[in-house]
């Protein structure tokens, strides 16, 4: 049976490449802001293009935060991408030293990358966390990043599987936490490796 995936359309930017990538790996995909459709799909993908403030505001206006929390509460899969990962944390300092609140599902704060060259734009290796399902068959692969802010890797794992990358310092590149997963990189722009990761997620639905 083909897995159904809703890509949440809340104004985060061009998400057609995500839709095409998911279709390529065998999902039945719908791009919509309809809460009922998003709630009922096998998987919900939350894209994130742009800055933290715009994404969290757009999500809340579209009831996206409510949808994510409700799905997680009933173990229904959600995948966030790029800023779609960042908004799951406590907040971001992108606009102010006093962090703008995120969803607070995960502890941690999004901070500017302490690197000589920012934004971090291009291909970087990701170190999969132990037992990662998203990265099955993807050890030593590179993925495509475009970001100036990230969650520093503080070593805290709790019950989550945390995969990491480096640019100035080690940061969170992906998280797997029961039904809720997210990547800082763009799998839809990461060639065969990104498609394999999306296929791993779709197979789990």
Foldseek 3Di string as FASTA:
>chain_A
DAFEEEEAPLPQDDCVLVVVLLVVLGHHYDYYLPLVVRLPGQEYEYEHHDDLVVRQVSCVVSCNLVSVVVCVVVLRAYEYEASRVQLCEQFECPPHPPGDGHSHVDYFYKYFQQAPDPPPFAWWFKAWFPPDLLCVVPHRAIFTAHHGIFTACPPDAPPKTFMWTDHNHIGTQKIDDRRYIYGNTDLSPGPPSSSSSSSSNSVVD
